[in-house]
């Protein structure tokens, strides 16, 4: 059953800044979907749009169907009910998301009180249970955010996201500010809790390796569009779009000396969403761009089973990439 169905989503900020341009995504109940891309590609804007958390003046089009209901046409009372209980979000940078003058236990208990029929005592008990679920002592409920480490604060954010037993958890770069050891612990925790509670997960990251380990499917965004999507491990190991491949090769891989000593990466930056180039937005940085890429944008097309990529080098359905995606590389 499809839990989240995003159809032709567009988000334009004041000043005609097209941050998201016609995104289509589907997430089944209990599934884990990763969204990857560099900073400025529209990932966080997509996450905020899903729960109508964008700033005033932002124009949003398309549909966001959550369990069959369009979030964009809901009355505000219904949106408030959906947040936390239907879908919740874990923001990057927990120190900026937690209230510094309230104890963390009270902050976890707050959505339980607002969205359920729990008494204050029951809400505090639920907060203690959630802290223990995320690997913290219940006694930490009395702590203020500044008294916790970065990893502990992120665990508190995860506890808050799970407080009302939502169907969907959106994790926006949940490990960005953490060291690699704590990052691994948080990722394992998220994966474990999602599996145990049957929650769907939409995880946003710039790190394809993290998403390939954590998620079932992977969507790669560039300049506000999804330019490739498919099984997470397949997209990570053999991306069909040159941007997806460059993003994957920017990270060294265990057991691959060539990638460890000379990760390729990609020069330049994503385009300004207020001044997108004509044709394919990626062509100014693309190592295999053709003349037609300068004038014609590319739509997603099939490339193997349950896989799509928006690239001129992707041939007929099922044929795979029609040309090497990186000079000297294989297809």
Protein backbone atom coordinates (compact mmCIF):
# COMPACT_ATOMS: atom_id res chain seq x y z
CA UNK A 1 0.00 0.00 0.00
CA UNK A 2 1.28 3.47 -0.92
CA UNK A 3 1.56 5.69 2.15
CA UNK A 4 3.13 8.78 0.56
CA UNK A 5 2.45 9.77 -3.04
CA UNK A 6 4.06 13.02 -4.23
CA UNK A 7 2.75 14.12 -7.62
CA UNK A 8 4.32 16.86 -9.74
CA UNK A 9 5.36 18.85 -6.66
CA UNK A 10 6.64 22.36 -7.33
CA UNK A 11 7.95 24.83 -4.74
CA UNK A 12 8.81 28.41 -5.67
CA UNK A 13 10.19 30.86 -3.12
CA UNK A 14 9.60 34.63 -3.38
CA UNK A 15 11.72 36.12 -6.15
CA UNK A 16 10.80 33.31 -8.57
CA UNK A 17 13.26 30.86 -7.00
CA UNK A 18 12.24 27.42 -8.26
CA UNK A 19 13.53 25.15 -5.49
CA UNK A 20 11.50 22.04 -6.43
CA UNK A 21 10.42 21.41 -10.01
CA UNK A 22 7.93 18.66 -10.75
CA UNK A 23 8.98 15.97 -8.27
CA UNK A 24 7.17 12.60 -8.26
CA UNK A 25 7.87 10.15 -5.43
CA UNK A 26 6.13 7.16 -3.91
CA UNK A 27 6.77 5.53 -0.55
CA UNK A 28 5.04 2.32 0.47
CA UNK A 29 3.99 1.56 4.03
CA UNK A 30 6.99 0.20 5.94
CA UNK A 31 9.42 1.20 3.17
CA UNK A 32 12.59 3.29 3.50
CA UNK A 33 13.27 5.87 0.81
CA UNK A 34 16.47 7.90 0.59
CA UNK A 35 16.74 11.30 -1.12
CA UNK A 36 20.29 12.37 -2.06
CA UNK A 37 21.94 15.39 -3.61
CA UNK A 38 24.30 18.29 -2.94
CA UNK A 39 23.33 21.30 -0.87
CA UNK A 40 20.96 23.48 -2.87
CA UNK A 41 19.34 20.65 -4.82
CA UNK A 42 15.96 20.96 -3.10
CA UNK A 43 16.06 18.07 -0.60
CA UNK A 44 15.21 20.00 2.56
CA UNK A 45 12.61 22.10 0.74
CA UNK A 46 10.95 18.85 -0.31
CA UNK A 47 10.95 17.63 3.32
CA UNK A 48 9.43 20.88 4.61
CA UNK A 49 6.77 20.86 1.90
CA UNK A 50 5.56 17.42 2.95
CA UNK A 51 4.28 18.83 6.26
CA UNK A 52 3.56 22.38 5.04
CA UNK A 53 6.40 23.90 7.02
CA UNK A 54 7.55 26.31 4.30
CA UNK A 55 7.72 30.07 5.01
CA UNK A 56 4.87 32.43 4.07
CA UNK A 57 4.90 33.61 0.47
CA UNK A 58 6.11 30.29 -0.90
CA UNK A 59 4.11 28.95 -3.85
CA UNK A 60 3.46 25.20 -3.77
CA UNK A 61 1.81 23.19 -6.55
CA UNK A 62 1.01 19.56 -7.25
CA UNK A 63 -0.21 17.00 -4.73
CA UNK A 64 1.17 15.42 -1.55
CA UNK A 65 -1.04 12.44 -0.74
CA UNK A 66 -0.42 11.07 2.75
CA UNK A 67 -2.48 7.94 3.28
CA UNK A 68 -4.80 9.17 0.53
CA UNK A 69 -5.28 12.74 1.85
CA UNK A 70 -3.76 15.72 0.08
CA UNK A 71 -1.68 17.63 2.63
CA UNK A 72 -1.75 20.76 0.45
CA UNK A 73 -5.55 21.09 0.58
CA UNK A 74 -6.06 20.17 4.23
CA UNK A 75 -7.52 22.71 6.62
CA UNK A 76 -4.99 23.96 9.20
CA UNK A 77 -6.67 22.01 11.98
CA UNK A 78 -6.23 18.81 10.03
CA UNK A 79 -2.60 19.66 9.20
CA UNK A 80 -1.87 20.15 12.91
CA UNK A 81 -3.41 16.74 13.61
CA UNK A 82 -1.31 15.08 10.90
CA UNK A 83 1.95 16.56 12.18
CA UNK A 84 3.51 14.29 14.82
CA UNK A 85 0.65 11.76 14.70
CA UNK A 86 0.56 11.04 10.95
CA UNK A 87 4.05 12.14 9.98
CA UNK A 88 6.92 13.64 11.98
CA UNK A 89 10.29 15.12 11.12
CA UNK A 90 13.80 14.88 12.57
CA UNK A 91 15.69 18.04 11.63
CA UNK A 92 19.42 18.37 11.17
CA UNK A 93 21.08 20.21 14.04
CA UNK A 94 19.14 19.13 17.12
CA UNK A 95 20.54 22.00 19.21
CA UNK A 96 18.65 24.45 16.98
CA UNK A 97 15.45 22.37 17.05
CA UNK A 98 15.15 21.83 20.81
CA UNK A 99 13.95 24.63 23.10
CA UNK A 100 16.95 25.59 25.28
CA UNK A 101 14.82 26.67 28.27
CA UNK A 102 12.72 23.51 28.59
CA UNK A 103 13.78 20.11 29.86
CA UNK A 104 13.96 17.48 27.14
CA UNK A 105 11.43 15.23 28.89
CA UNK A 106 8.83 18.00 28.75
CA UNK A 107 9.57 18.56 25.07
CA UNK A 108 9.05 14.87 24.29
CA UNK A 109 5.85 14.81 26.35
CA UNK A 110 4.40 17.90 24.66
CA UNK A 111 3.23 16.24 21.38
CA UNK A 112 1.80 13.34 23.41
CA UNK A 113 -0.31 15.83 25.39
CA UNK A 114 -1.33 17.82 22.33
CA UNK A 115 -2.20 14.96 20.00
CA UNK A 116 -3.42 12.28 22.40
CA UNK A 117 -5.72 11.99 25.39
CA UNK A 118 -2.89 11.30 27.82
CA UNK A 119 -2.72 12.89 31.25
CA UNK A 120 0.45 14.82 32.20
CA UNK A 121 1.59 11.84 34.27
CA UNK A 122 1.03 9.42 31.38
CA UNK A 123 2.82 11.77 28.98
CA UNK A 124 5.87 11.96 31.25
CA UNK A 125 5.85 8.17 31.53
CA UNK A 126 5.72 7.90 27.74
CA UNK A 127 8.66 10.32 27.47
CA UNK A 128 10.71 8.16 29.84
CA UNK A 129 9.88 5.04 27.79
CA UNK A 130 10.90 6.77 24.57
CA UNK A 131 14.21 7.91 26.04
CA UNK A 132 15.01 4.33 26.98
CA UNK A 133 14.00 3.15 23.50
CA UNK A 134 16.55 5.47 21.93
CA UNK A 135 19.28 4.36 24.30
CA UNK A 136 19.17 7.08 26.97
CA UNK A 137 18.43 6.76 30.66
CA UNK A 138 14.96 7.91 31.69
CA UNK A 139 16.68 10.21 34.18
CA UNK A 140 17.90 12.34 31.25
CA UNK A 141 14.34 13.65 30.94
CA UNK A 142 15.27 16.27 33.54
CA UNK A 143 18.20 17.58 31.47
CA UNK A 144 18.25 20.73 29.38
CA UNK A 145 19.49 20.45 25.77
CA UNK A 146 22.85 22.11 26.53
CA UNK A 147 23.55 19.42 29.14
CA UNK A 148 23.50 16.68 26.50
CA UNK A 149 26.04 15.75 23.84
CA UNK A 150 25.27 16.11 20.14
CA UNK A 151 24.48 12.41 19.79
CA UNK A 152 22.23 12.47 22.86
CA UNK A 153 20.33 15.50 21.54
CA UNK A 154 19.79 13.72 18.24
CA UNK A 155 18.40 10.71 20.13
CA UNK A 156 16.00 13.07 21.89
CA UNK A 157 14.84 14.36 18.50
CA UNK A 158 14.22 10.79 17.35
CA UNK A 159 12.26 10.10 20.54
CA UNK A 160 10.12 13.17 19.85
CA UNK A 161 9.51 12.05 16.28
CA UNK A 162 8.25 8.66 17.52
CA UNK A 163 6.22 10.05 20.44
CA UNK A 164 2.81 9.84 18.75
CA UNK A 165 3.53 6.65 16.79
CA UNK A 166 3.43 8.24 13.31
CA UNK A 167 3.13 6.31 10.08
CA UNK A 168 5.96 8.26 8.46
CA UNK A 169 9.23 9.68 9.83
CA UNK A 170 11.11 12.25 7.74
CA UNK A 171 14.79 12.44 8.69
CA UNK A 172 16.52 15.50 7.20
CA UNK A 173 20.29 14.98 7.42
CA UNK A 174 19.95 13.52 10.94
CA UNK A 175 23.68 12.82 11.38
CA UNK A 176 25.31 15.80 9.65
CA UNK A 177 26.83 17.40 12.77
CA UNK A 178 27.95 14.14 14.40
CA UNK A 179 31.29 12.32 14.33
CA UNK A 180 31.46 9.06 12.41
CA UNK A 181 31.14 6.77 15.45
CA UNK A 182 28.02 8.52 16.76
CA UNK A 183 26.67 8.78 13.21
CA UNK A 184 26.84 5.00 12.85
CA UNK A 185 25.04 4.53 16.18
CA UNK A 186 22.25 6.95 15.22
CA UNK A 187 21.77 5.30 11.82
CA UNK A 188 21.55 1.85 13.39
CA UNK A 189 19.08 3.22 15.94
CA UNK A 190 16.83 4.74 13.26
CA UNK A 191 16.94 1.55 11.21
CA UNK A 192 16.13 -0.60 14.24
CA UNK A 193 13.23 1.57 15.45
CA UNK A 194 11.72 1.84 11.97
CA UNK A 195 11.82 -1.96 11.58
CA UNK A 196 10.43 -2.65 15.05
CA UNK A 197 7.55 -0.18 14.78
CA UNK A 198 6.71 -0.69 11.11
CA UNK A 199 7.21 3.00 10.34
CA UNK A 200 7.94 4.31 6.85
CA UNK A 201 11.12 6.39 6.56
CA UNK A 202 12.10 9.17 4.18
CA UNK A 203 15.75 9.98 4.85
CA UNK A 204 17.56 12.92 3.29
CA UNK A 205 21.34 12.99 2.96
CA UNK A 206 24.18 14.05 0.70
CA UNK A 207 25.89 10.71 1.43
CA UNK A 208 24.84 7.96 -0.99
CA UNK A 209 26.75 5.34 1.01
CA UNK A 210 24.65 6.05 4.13
CA UNK A 211 21.41 5.88 2.15
CA UNK A 212 22.44 2.70 0.34
CA UNK A 213 23.01 1.00 3.70
CA UNK A 214 19.84 2.30 5.33
CA UNK A 215 17.17 2.56 2.63
CA UNK A 216 15.32 0.27 0.22
CA UNK A 217 15.05 2.81 -2.60
CA UNK A 218 17.01 5.91 -3.52
CA UNK A 219 16.07 9.10 -5.37
CA UNK A 220 18.81 11.48 -6.52
CA UNK A 221 17.88 15.17 -6.83
CA UNK A 222 19.58 17.89 -8.84
CA UNK A 223 18.40 21.48 -9.36
CA UNK A 224 15.01 20.74 -7.81
CA UNK A 225 14.25 17.62 -9.84
CA UNK A 226 14.59 13.87 -9.33
CA UNK A 227 17.11 12.83 -11.99
CA UNK A 228 17.41 9.15 -10.99
CA UNK A 229 15.59 6.70 -8.75
CA UNK A 230 15.65 2.97 -8.15
CA UNK A 231 16.82 0.29 -5.71
CA UNK A 232 19.23 1.99 -3.30
CA UNK A 233 22.15 -0.40 -3.65
CA UNK A 234 21.87 -0.46 -7.44
CA UNK A 235 21.81 3.32 -7.78
CA UNK A 236 24.77 3.66 -5.43
CA UNK A 237 26.92 1.02 -7.12
CA UNK A 238 25.95 1.62 -10.76
CA UNK A 239 24.21 4.96 -11.23
CA UNK A 240 22.76 5.51 -14.69
CA UNK A 241 22.89 9.32 -14.54
CA UNK A 242 26.32 11.02 -14.66
CA UNK A 243 25.44 13.14 -11.62
CA UNK A 244 24.46 10.11 -9.56
CA UNK A 245 27.70 8.41 -10.54
CA UNK A 246 29.80 11.45 -9.67
CA UNK A 247 28.02 11.77 -6.32
CA UNK A 248 28.73 8.11 -5.56
CA UNK A 249 32.39 8.32 -6.61
CA UNK A 250 32.99 11.34 -4.38
CA UNK A 251 33.15 8.98 -1.37
CA UNK A 252 36.01 6.52 -0.86
CA UNK A 253 34.97 2.86 -0.67
CA UNK A 254 36.37 0.16 1.58
CA UNK A 255 38.41 -2.33 -0.40
CA UNK A 256 38.81 -0.02 -3.41
CA UNK A 257 42.25 1.67 -3.24
CA UNK A 258 41.62 3.77 -6.35
CA UNK A 259 38.60 5.45 -4.78
CA UNK A 260 40.31 5.80 -1.42
CA UNK A 261 43.33 7.66 -2.77
CA UNK A 262 41.65 9.57 -5.60
CA UNK A 263 37.93 10.10 -5.15
CA UNK A 264 36.64 11.77 -8.29
CA UNK A 265 33.95 14.11 -7.07
CA UNK A 266 32.62 16.81 -9.37
CA UNK A 267 33.88 20.36 -9.96
CA UNK A 268 31.58 23.36 -9.73
CA UNK A 269 28.31 23.89 -7.85
CA UNK A 270 24.63 23.27 -8.52
CA UNK A 271 22.99 26.13 -10.47
CA UNK A 272 21.24 29.03 -8.83
CA UNK A 273 17.53 28.02 -8.74
CA UNK A 274 16.64 31.61 -9.63
CA UNK A 275 18.74 31.45 -12.82
CA UNK A 276 18.67 27.90 -14.17
CA UNK A 277 20.53 27.24 -17.44
CA UNK A 278 18.53 26.30 -20.53
CA UNK A 279 18.13 22.64 -21.40
CA UNK A 280 19.41 20.09 -18.89
CA UNK A 281 20.35 21.87 -15.66
CA UNK A 282 23.30 19.51 -15.18
CA UNK A 283 24.88 19.97 -18.61
CA UNK A 284 27.31 22.80 -17.61
CA UNK A 285 29.01 20.32 -15.22
CA UNK A 286 28.39 17.13 -17.17
CA UNK A 287 31.48 15.31 -18.55
CA UNK A 288 29.44 13.59 -21.28
CA UNK A 289 26.98 16.33 -22.30
CA UNK A 290 25.85 16.47 -25.92
CA UNK A 291 24.84 19.48 -27.98
CA UNK A 292 21.15 18.70 -27.49
CA UNK A 293 21.59 18.83 -23.68
CA UNK A 294 22.09 22.61 -23.98
CA UNK A 295 18.57 23.11 -25.35
CA UNK A 296 16.50 20.06 -24.33
CA UNK A 297 15.70 19.06 -20.76
CA UNK A 298 15.49 15.33 -20.10
CA UNK A 299 12.54 13.49 -18.54
CA UNK A 300 12.82 10.36 -16.43
CA UNK A 301 12.84 7.20 -18.53
CA UNK A 302 13.13 3.55 -17.65
CA UNK A 303 16.56 2.01 -17.26
CA UNK A 304 16.09 -1.54 -16.01
CA UNK A 305 13.56 -2.91 -13.57
CA UNK A 306 11.96 -0.32 -11.23
CA UNK A 307 14.63 2.21 -12.24
CA UNK A 308 14.49 5.57 -13.99
CA UNK A 309 17.01 8.19 -15.02
CA UNK A 310 16.73 11.55 -16.78
CA UNK A 311 19.68 11.46 -19.15
CA UNK A 312 20.09 11.54 -22.93
CA UNK A 313 22.48 8.57 -22.64
CA UNK A 314 19.75 6.34 -21.23
CA UNK A 315 18.36 4.37 -24.16
CA UNK A 316 15.14 2.47 -24.68
CA UNK A 317 13.41 0.79 -21.68
CA UNK A 318 15.53 -2.03 -20.33
CA UNK A 319 18.61 -1.20 -22.42
CA UNK A 320 20.59 0.54 -19.66
CA UNK A 321 22.88 3.53 -20.24
CA UNK A 322 23.60 4.00 -23.94
CA UNK A 323 27.10 5.42 -23.47
CA UNK A 324 29.83 5.66 -20.84
CA UNK A 325 28.74 8.17 -18.22
CA UNK A 326 32.25 9.22 -17.18
CA UNK A 327 35.02 9.59 -19.75
CA UNK A 328 36.96 6.37 -19.82
CA UNK A 329 34.40 4.60 -17.60
CA UNK A 330 32.16 1.71 -18.37
CA UNK A 331 28.42 1.78 -18.83
